[in-house]
């Protein structure tokens, strides 16, 4: 039973990795558009909107606010990094134990383009 549950987590982790990778790819495209229009890359109002959406969404699954903010900020950092550099060389570490949110945050915090 435990191994079956862990396989389920591994499957979810793979989907999260794929989705975050796609988000970073889209963010890099947005960065190119912003640069071509002479717009600043960082938009604090947009970041606040994104964080609020993550807090609300993850809150529906019982995730505490601090963890939800940490996850959102890590995703934003990865996306902003892609916008600033225009690169998509990302590395993701999959850790087999611990909470998914913290694992995801740890993986993304260490990423730099």
C-alpha atoms as a PDB file:
ATOM      1  CA  UNK A   1       0.000   0.000   0.000  1.00  0.00           C
ATOM      2  CA  UNK A   2       2.801   2.438   0.893  1.00  0.00           C
ATOM      3  CA  UNK A   3       4.659   1.784  -2.348  1.00  0.00           C
ATOM      4  CA  UNK A   4       1.444   2.297  -4.320  1.00  0.00           C
ATOM      5  CA  UNK A   5       0.865   5.657  -2.625  1.00  0.00           C
ATOM      6  CA  UNK A   6       4.467   6.648  -3.320  1.00  0.00           C
ATOM      7  CA  UNK A   7       4.030   5.759  -6.981  1.00  0.00           C
ATOM      8  CA  UNK A   8       1.031   8.081  -6.975  1.00  0.00           C
ATOM      9  CA  UNK A   9       3.162  10.868  -5.493  1.00  0.00           C
ATOM     10  CA  UNK A  10       5.895  10.209  -8.066  1.00  0.00           C
ATOM     11  CA  UNK A  11       3.305  10.511 -10.827  1.00  0.00           C
ATOM     12  CA  UNK A  12       2.020  13.803  -9.419  1.00  0.00           C
ATOM     13  CA  UNK A  13       5.611  15.064  -9.063  1.00  0.00           C
ATOM     14  CA  UNK A  14       6.287  14.287 -12.727  1.00  0.00           C
ATOM     15  CA  UNK A  15       3.186  16.231 -13.752  1.00  0.00           C
ATOM     16  CA  UNK A  16       4.180  19.162 -11.514  1.00  0.00           C
ATOM     17  CA  UNK A  17       7.649  19.181 -13.069  1.00  0.00           C
ATOM     18  CA  UNK A  18       6.154  19.151 -16.572  1.00  0.00           C
ATOM     19  CA  UNK A  19       3.714  21.945 -15.746  1.00  0.00           C
ATOM     20  CA  UNK A  20       6.307  24.140 -14.067  1.00  0.00           C
ATOM     21  CA  UNK A  21       8.626  23.577 -17.003  1.00  0.00           C
ATOM     22  CA  UNK A  22       5.846  24.726 -19.328  1.00  0.00           C
ATOM     23  CA  UNK A  23       5.196  27.755 -17.104  1.00  0.00           C
ATOM     24  CA  UNK A  24       8.890  28.689 -17.245  1.00  0.00           C
ATOM     25  CA  UNK A  25       8.863  28.295 -21.035  1.00  0.00           C
ATOM     26  CA  UNK A  26       5.856  30.622 -21.290  1.00  0.00           C
ATOM     27  CA  UNK A  27       7.517  33.090 -18.917  1.00  0.00           C
ATOM     28  CA  UNK A  28      10.599  33.170 -21.161  1.00  0.00           C
ATOM     29  CA  UNK A  29       8.323  34.033 -24.097  1.00  0.00           C
ATOM     30  CA  UNK A  30       6.707  36.787 -22.036  1.00  0.00           C
ATOM     31  CA  UNK A  31      10.183  38.091 -21.228  1.00  0.00           C
ATOM     32  CA  UNK A  32      11.010  38.336 -24.935  1.00  0.00           C
ATOM     33  CA  UNK A  33       7.766  40.235 -25.578  1.00  0.00           C
ATOM     34  CA  UNK A  34       8.378  42.566 -22.634  1.00  0.00           C
ATOM     35  CA  UNK A  35      11.923  43.288 -23.836  1.00  0.00           C
ATOM     36  CA  UNK A  36      10.686  44.020 -27.363  1.00  0.00           C
ATOM     37  CA  UNK A  37       8.115  46.458 -25.943  1.00  0.00           C
ATOM     38  CA  UNK A  38      10.598  48.060 -23.562  1.00  0.00           C
ATOM     39  CA  UNK A  39       8.593  46.925 -20.536  1.00  0.00           C
ATOM     40  CA  UNK A  40      10.144  46.048 -17.184  1.00  0.00           C
ATOM     41  CA  UNK A  41      10.457  42.318 -16.525  1.00  0.00           C
ATOM     42  CA  UNK A  42       9.421  42.435 -12.868  1.00  0.00           C
ATOM     43  CA  UNK A  43       5.787  43.330 -12.172  1.00  0.00           C
ATOM     44  CA  UNK A  44       5.125  43.327  -8.424  1.00  0.00           C
ATOM     45  CA  UNK A  45       1.351  43.780  -8.850  1.00  0.00           C
ATOM     46  CA  UNK A  46       1.207  40.682 -11.057  1.00  0.00           C
ATOM     47  CA  UNK A  47       3.359  38.766  -8.548  1.00  0.00           C
ATOM     48  CA  UNK A  48       0.925  39.652  -5.757  1.00  0.00           C
ATOM     49  CA  UNK A  49      -1.991  38.419  -7.888  1.00  0.00           C
ATOM     50  CA  UNK A  50      -0.210  35.135  -8.603  1.00  0.00           C
ATOM     51  CA  UNK A  51       0.688  34.598  -4.939  1.00  0.00           C
ATOM     52  CA  UNK A  52      -2.895  35.309  -3.864  1.00  0.00           C
ATOM     53  CA  UNK A  53      -4.186  32.769  -6.407  1.00  0.00           C
ATOM     54  CA  UNK A  54      -1.751  30.103  -5.144  1.00  0.00           C
ATOM     55  CA  UNK A  55      -2.656  30.809  -1.506  1.00  0.00           C
ATOM     56  CA  UNK A  56      -6.363  30.537  -2.279  1.00  0.00           C
ATOM     57  CA  UNK A  57      -6.016  27.470  -4.471  1.00  0.00           C
ATOM     58  CA  UNK A  58      -3.693  25.527  -2.190  1.00  0.00           C
ATOM     59  CA  UNK A  59      -5.731  26.588   0.825  1.00  0.00           C
ATOM     60  CA  UNK A  60      -8.635  24.580  -0.582  1.00  0.00           C
ATOM     61  CA  UNK A  61      -6.423  21.502  -0.121  1.00  0.00           C
ATOM     62  CA  UNK A  62      -5.452  22.399   3.427  1.00  0.00           C
ATOM     63  CA  UNK A  63      -2.037  23.864   2.612  1.00  0.00           C
ATOM     64  CA  UNK A  64      -1.091  26.570   5.100  1.00  0.00           C
ATOM     65  CA  UNK A  65      -0.568  30.132   3.884  1.00  0.00           C
ATOM     66  CA  UNK A  66       3.187  30.216   4.575  1.00  0.00           C
ATOM     67  CA  UNK A  67       3.822  27.083   2.532  1.00  0.00           C
ATOM     68  CA  UNK A  68       1.585  28.283  -0.301  1.00  0.00           C
ATOM     69  CA  UNK A  69       3.446  31.611  -0.407  1.00  0.00           C
ATOM     70  CA  UNK A  70       6.799  29.791  -0.412  1.00  0.00           C
ATOM     71  CA  UNK A  71       5.738  27.609  -3.349  1.00  0.00           C
ATOM     72  CA  UNK A  72       4.345  30.562  -5.307  1.00  0.00           C
ATOM     73  CA  UNK A  73       7.478  32.622  -4.711  1.00  0.00           C
ATOM     74  CA  UNK A  74       9.701  29.760  -5.847  1.00  0.00           C
ATOM     75  CA  UNK A  75       7.707  29.372  -9.067  1.00  0.00           C
ATOM     76  CA  UNK A  76       7.791  33.138  -9.619  1.00  0.00           C
ATOM     77  CA  UNK A  77      11.573  33.188  -9.064  1.00  0.00           C
ATOM     78  CA  UNK A  78      12.041  30.455 -11.672  1.00  0.00           C
ATOM     79  CA  UNK A  79       9.761  32.263 -14.122  1.00  0.00           C
ATOM     80  CA  UNK A  80      11.361  35.652 -13.552  1.00  0.00           C
ATOM     81  CA  UNK A  81      14.800  34.103 -14.001  1.00  0.00           C
ATOM     82  CA  UNK A  82      13.711  32.747 -17.375  1.00  0.00           C
ATOM     83  CA  UNK A  83      12.402  36.179 -18.357  1.00  0.00           C
ATOM     84  CA  UNK A  84      15.596  37.920 -17.308  1.00  0.00           C
ATOM     85  CA  UNK A  85      17.940  35.543 -19.079  1.00  0.00           C
ATOM     86  CA  UNK A  86      15.804  34.075 -21.810  1.00  0.00           C
ATOM     87  CA  UNK A  87      17.321  30.668 -21.080  1.00  0.00           C
ATOM     88  CA  UNK A  88      15.458  27.468 -20.368  1.00  0.00           C
ATOM     89  CA  UNK A  89      18.308  25.384 -18.910  1.00  0.00           C
ATOM     90  CA  UNK A  90      16.576  24.271 -15.755  1.00  0.00           C
ATOM     91  CA  UNK A  91      17.473  21.559 -13.330  1.00  0.00           C
ATOM     92  CA  UNK A  92      15.024  19.892 -11.049  1.00  0.00           C
ATOM     93  CA  UNK A  93      15.862  17.698  -8.104  1.00  0.00           C
ATOM     94  CA  UNK A  94      13.345  15.084  -7.096  1.00  0.00           C
ATOM     95  CA  UNK A  95      13.521  14.230  -3.439  1.00  0.00           C
ATOM     96  CA  UNK A  96      11.807  11.026  -2.425  1.00  0.00           C
ATOM     97  CA  UNK A  97      10.608  12.041   1.028  1.00  0.00           C
ATOM     98  CA  UNK A  98       8.973  15.042   2.667  1.00  0.00           C
ATOM     99  CA  UNK A  99       6.093  17.288   1.776  1.00  0.00           C
ATOM    100  CA  UNK A 100       5.560  17.921  -1.912  1.00  0.00           C
ATOM    101  CA  UNK A 101       5.420  21.682  -1.428  1.00  0.00           C
ATOM    102  CA  UNK A 102       8.721  21.908   0.392  1.00  0.00           C
ATOM    103  CA  UNK A 103      10.343  19.509  -2.035  1.00  0.00           C
ATOM    104  CA  UNK A 104       9.155  21.588  -4.945  1.00  0.00           C
ATOM    105  CA  UNK A 105      10.279  24.811  -3.284  1.00  0.00           C
ATOM    106  CA  UNK A 106      13.714  23.368  -2.517  1.00  0.00           C
ATOM    107  CA  UNK A 107      14.105  22.189  -6.089  1.00  0.00           C
ATOM    108  CA  UNK A 108      13.197  25.550  -7.564  1.00  0.00           C
ATOM    109  CA  UNK A 109      15.063  27.745  -5.069  1.00  0.00           C
ATOM    110  CA  UNK A 110      18.371  26.278  -6.178  1.00  0.00           C
ATOM    111  CA  UNK A 111      17.654  26.897  -9.865  1.00  0.00           C
ATOM    112  CA  UNK A 112      19.477  29.714 -11.608  1.00  0.00           C
ATOM    113  CA  UNK A 113      19.630  30.255 -15.347  1.00  0.00           C
END
